[in-house]
């Protein structure tokens, strides 16, 4: 009797996979955009970020804090955050729709 052992090993690359980041529109200088690969975004959002919002064809979370508007969502494996102390959550959703 012959025993055949097969090992499945994931492909390891020396260089990172290319990431397609979104970029801010020119007229949104008062909004901060940050991003992180979703696999690294393992911390829970702040307690004030708990309102579900529809954003860029998916569901994200928005803040209830009145001093800073925050919108979080994940798209194509990237976790995004928009933050502004001068705009509303609704404004941030509109800015997100214009990200390219």
C-alpha atoms as a PDB file:
ATOM      1  CA  UNK A   1       0.000   0.000   0.000  1.00  0.00           C
ATOM      2  CA  UNK A   2       1.353   3.416  -0.994  1.00  0.00           C
ATOM      3  CA  UNK A   3       0.540   6.482   1.076  1.00  0.00           C
ATOM      4  CA  UNK A   4       0.556   9.802  -0.759  1.00  0.00           C
ATOM      5  CA  UNK A   5       0.939  12.961   1.312  1.00  0.00           C
ATOM      6  CA  UNK A   6      -0.010  16.247  -0.259  1.00  0.00           C
ATOM      7  CA  UNK A   7       0.778  19.578   1.378  1.00  0.00           C
ATOM      8  CA  UNK A   8      -1.072  22.714   0.414  1.00  0.00           C
ATOM      9  CA  UNK A   9       1.157  25.738   0.951  1.00  0.00           C
ATOM     10  CA  UNK A  10      -0.069  29.279   0.321  1.00  0.00           C
ATOM     11  CA  UNK A  11       1.833  31.273  -2.268  1.00  0.00           C
ATOM     12  CA  UNK A  12       4.132  33.756  -0.550  1.00  0.00           C
ATOM     13  CA  UNK A  13       5.042  36.908  -2.440  1.00  0.00           C
ATOM     14  CA  UNK A  14       8.044  39.121  -1.730  1.00  0.00           C
ATOM     15  CA  UNK A  15       6.227  42.286  -2.707  1.00  0.00           C
ATOM     16  CA  UNK A  16       2.826  43.403  -1.378  1.00  0.00           C
ATOM     17  CA  UNK A  17      -0.246  43.046  -3.525  1.00  0.00           C
ATOM     18  CA  UNK A  18      -1.200  46.298  -5.268  1.00  0.00           C
ATOM     19  CA  UNK A  19      -3.858  48.293  -3.427  1.00  0.00           C
ATOM     20  CA  UNK A  20      -6.250  50.612  -5.211  1.00  0.00           C
ATOM     21  CA  UNK A  21      -6.751  53.495  -2.823  1.00  0.00           C
ATOM     22  CA  UNK A  22      -9.491  56.066  -3.103  1.00  0.00           C
ATOM     23  CA  UNK A  23      -8.498  59.739  -3.424  1.00  0.00           C
ATOM     24  CA  UNK A  24     -10.235  62.841  -2.080  1.00  0.00           C
ATOM     25  CA  UNK A  25     -11.954  65.344  -4.363  1.00  0.00           C
ATOM     26  CA  UNK A  26     -10.136  68.693  -4.531  1.00  0.00           C
ATOM     27  CA  UNK A  27     -12.912  70.622  -2.763  1.00  0.00           C
ATOM     28  CA  UNK A  28     -12.846  68.439   0.393  1.00  0.00           C
ATOM     29  CA  UNK A  29      -9.741  69.851   2.075  1.00  0.00           C
ATOM     30  CA  UNK A  30     -11.541  69.969   5.445  1.00  0.00           C
ATOM     31  CA  UNK A  31     -12.077  66.185   5.438  1.00  0.00           C
ATOM     32  CA  UNK A  32      -9.481  63.619   6.495  1.00  0.00           C
ATOM     33  CA  UNK A  33      -9.396  60.281   4.662  1.00  0.00           C
ATOM     34  CA  UNK A  34      -7.521  57.358   6.186  1.00  0.00           C
ATOM     35  CA  UNK A  35      -7.380  53.764   5.011  1.00  0.00           C
ATOM     36  CA  UNK A  36      -6.006  50.462   6.188  1.00  0.00           C
ATOM     37  CA  UNK A  37      -6.096  46.962   4.710  1.00  0.00           C
ATOM     38  CA  UNK A  38      -9.179  45.313   6.207  1.00  0.00           C
ATOM     39  CA  UNK A  39      -7.155  42.374   7.511  1.00  0.00           C
ATOM     40  CA  UNK A  40      -5.258  44.809   9.788  1.00  0.00           C
ATOM     41  CA  UNK A  41      -8.339  46.677  11.029  1.00  0.00           C
ATOM     42  CA  UNK A  42      -9.032  44.519  14.052  1.00  0.00           C
ATOM     43  CA  UNK A  43      -9.775  47.156  16.689  1.00  0.00           C
ATOM     44  CA  UNK A  44     -13.395  48.095  17.348  1.00  0.00           C
ATOM     45  CA  UNK A  45     -14.494  51.593  16.326  1.00  0.00           C
ATOM     46  CA  UNK A  46     -15.033  54.275  18.976  1.00  0.00           C
ATOM     47  CA  UNK A  47     -18.242  53.894  20.995  1.00  0.00           C
ATOM     48  CA  UNK A  48     -19.761  56.972  19.323  1.00  0.00           C
ATOM     49  CA  UNK A  49     -19.557  55.297  15.892  1.00  0.00           C
ATOM     50  CA  UNK A  50     -22.695  53.180  15.890  1.00  0.00           C
ATOM     51  CA  UNK A  51     -25.249  54.515  13.392  1.00  0.00           C
ATOM     52  CA  UNK A  52     -25.575  52.383  10.220  1.00  0.00           C
ATOM     53  CA  UNK A  53     -25.338  54.425   6.996  1.00  0.00           C
ATOM     54  CA  UNK A  54     -25.521  53.514   3.331  1.00  0.00           C
ATOM     55  CA  UNK A  55     -22.232  54.521   1.743  1.00  0.00           C
ATOM     56  CA  UNK A  56     -20.761  53.703  -1.695  1.00  0.00           C
ATOM     57  CA  UNK A  57     -23.112  50.753  -2.203  1.00  0.00           C
ATOM     58  CA  UNK A  58     -22.413  49.128   1.157  1.00  0.00           C
ATOM     59  CA  UNK A  59     -23.296  49.648   4.803  1.00  0.00           C
ATOM     60  CA  UNK A  60     -20.941  51.606   7.005  1.00  0.00           C
ATOM     61  CA  UNK A  61     -21.029  53.184  10.444  1.00  0.00           C
ATOM     62  CA  UNK A  62     -21.303  56.851  11.398  1.00  0.00           C
ATOM     63  CA  UNK A  63     -20.709  58.780  14.602  1.00  0.00           C
ATOM     64  CA  UNK A  64     -23.245  60.278  16.948  1.00  0.00           C
ATOM     65  CA  UNK A  65     -20.649  62.649  18.416  1.00  0.00           C
ATOM     66  CA  UNK A  66     -21.633  66.266  17.761  1.00  0.00           C
ATOM     67  CA  UNK A  67     -18.069  67.614  17.745  1.00  0.00           C
ATOM     68  CA  UNK A  68     -16.562  65.416  15.006  1.00  0.00           C
ATOM     69  CA  UNK A  69     -18.314  63.627  12.143  1.00  0.00           C
ATOM     70  CA  UNK A  70     -16.890  60.171  11.366  1.00  0.00           C
ATOM     71  CA  UNK A  71     -17.904  57.648   8.704  1.00  0.00           C
ATOM     72  CA  UNK A  72     -16.350  54.166   8.499  1.00  0.00           C
ATOM     73  CA  UNK A  73     -16.816  51.500   5.810  1.00  0.00           C
ATOM     74  CA  UNK A  74     -15.003  48.649   4.092  1.00  0.00           C
ATOM     75  CA  UNK A  75     -14.619  48.401   0.335  1.00  0.00           C
ATOM     76  CA  UNK A  76     -12.637  45.834  -1.690  1.00  0.00           C
ATOM     77  CA  UNK A  77     -10.649  44.709   1.324  1.00  0.00           C
ATOM     78  CA  UNK A  78      -9.777  48.228   2.523  1.00  0.00           C
ATOM     79  CA  UNK A  79     -11.228  49.848   5.674  1.00  0.00           C
ATOM     80  CA  UNK A  80     -11.834  53.583   5.101  1.00  0.00           C
ATOM     81  CA  UNK A  81     -12.510  56.425   7.534  1.00  0.00           C
ATOM     82  CA  UNK A  82     -13.652  59.949   6.757  1.00  0.00           C
ATOM     83  CA  UNK A  83     -13.435  62.485   9.571  1.00  0.00           C
ATOM     84  CA  UNK A  84     -14.282  66.184   9.782  1.00  0.00           C
ATOM     85  CA  UNK A  85     -14.914  68.732  12.514  1.00  0.00           C
ATOM     86  CA  UNK A  86     -16.611  71.136  10.066  1.00  0.00           C
ATOM     87  CA  UNK A  87     -18.936  68.827   8.081  1.00  0.00           C
ATOM     88  CA  UNK A  88     -21.901  66.620   8.985  1.00  0.00           C
ATOM     89  CA  UNK A  89     -22.197  62.859   8.564  1.00  0.00           C
ATOM     90  CA  UNK A  90     -24.470  63.497   5.579  1.00  0.00           C
ATOM     91  CA  UNK A  91     -21.777  65.678   3.994  1.00  0.00           C
ATOM     92  CA  UNK A  92     -19.178  62.939   4.548  1.00  0.00           C
ATOM     93  CA  UNK A  93     -21.429  60.389   2.834  1.00  0.00           C
ATOM     94  CA  UNK A  94     -21.633  62.752  -0.167  1.00  0.00           C
ATOM     95  CA  UNK A  95     -17.840  63.226  -0.150  1.00  0.00           C
ATOM     96  CA  UNK A  96     -17.405  59.443  -0.040  1.00  0.00           C
ATOM     97  CA  UNK A  97     -19.617  59.089  -3.103  1.00  0.00           C
ATOM     98  CA  UNK A  98     -17.172  61.346  -4.981  1.00  0.00           C
ATOM     99  CA  UNK A  99     -13.992  59.482  -3.992  1.00  0.00           C
ATOM    100  CA  UNK A 100     -12.091  58.092  -6.981  1.00  0.00           C
END
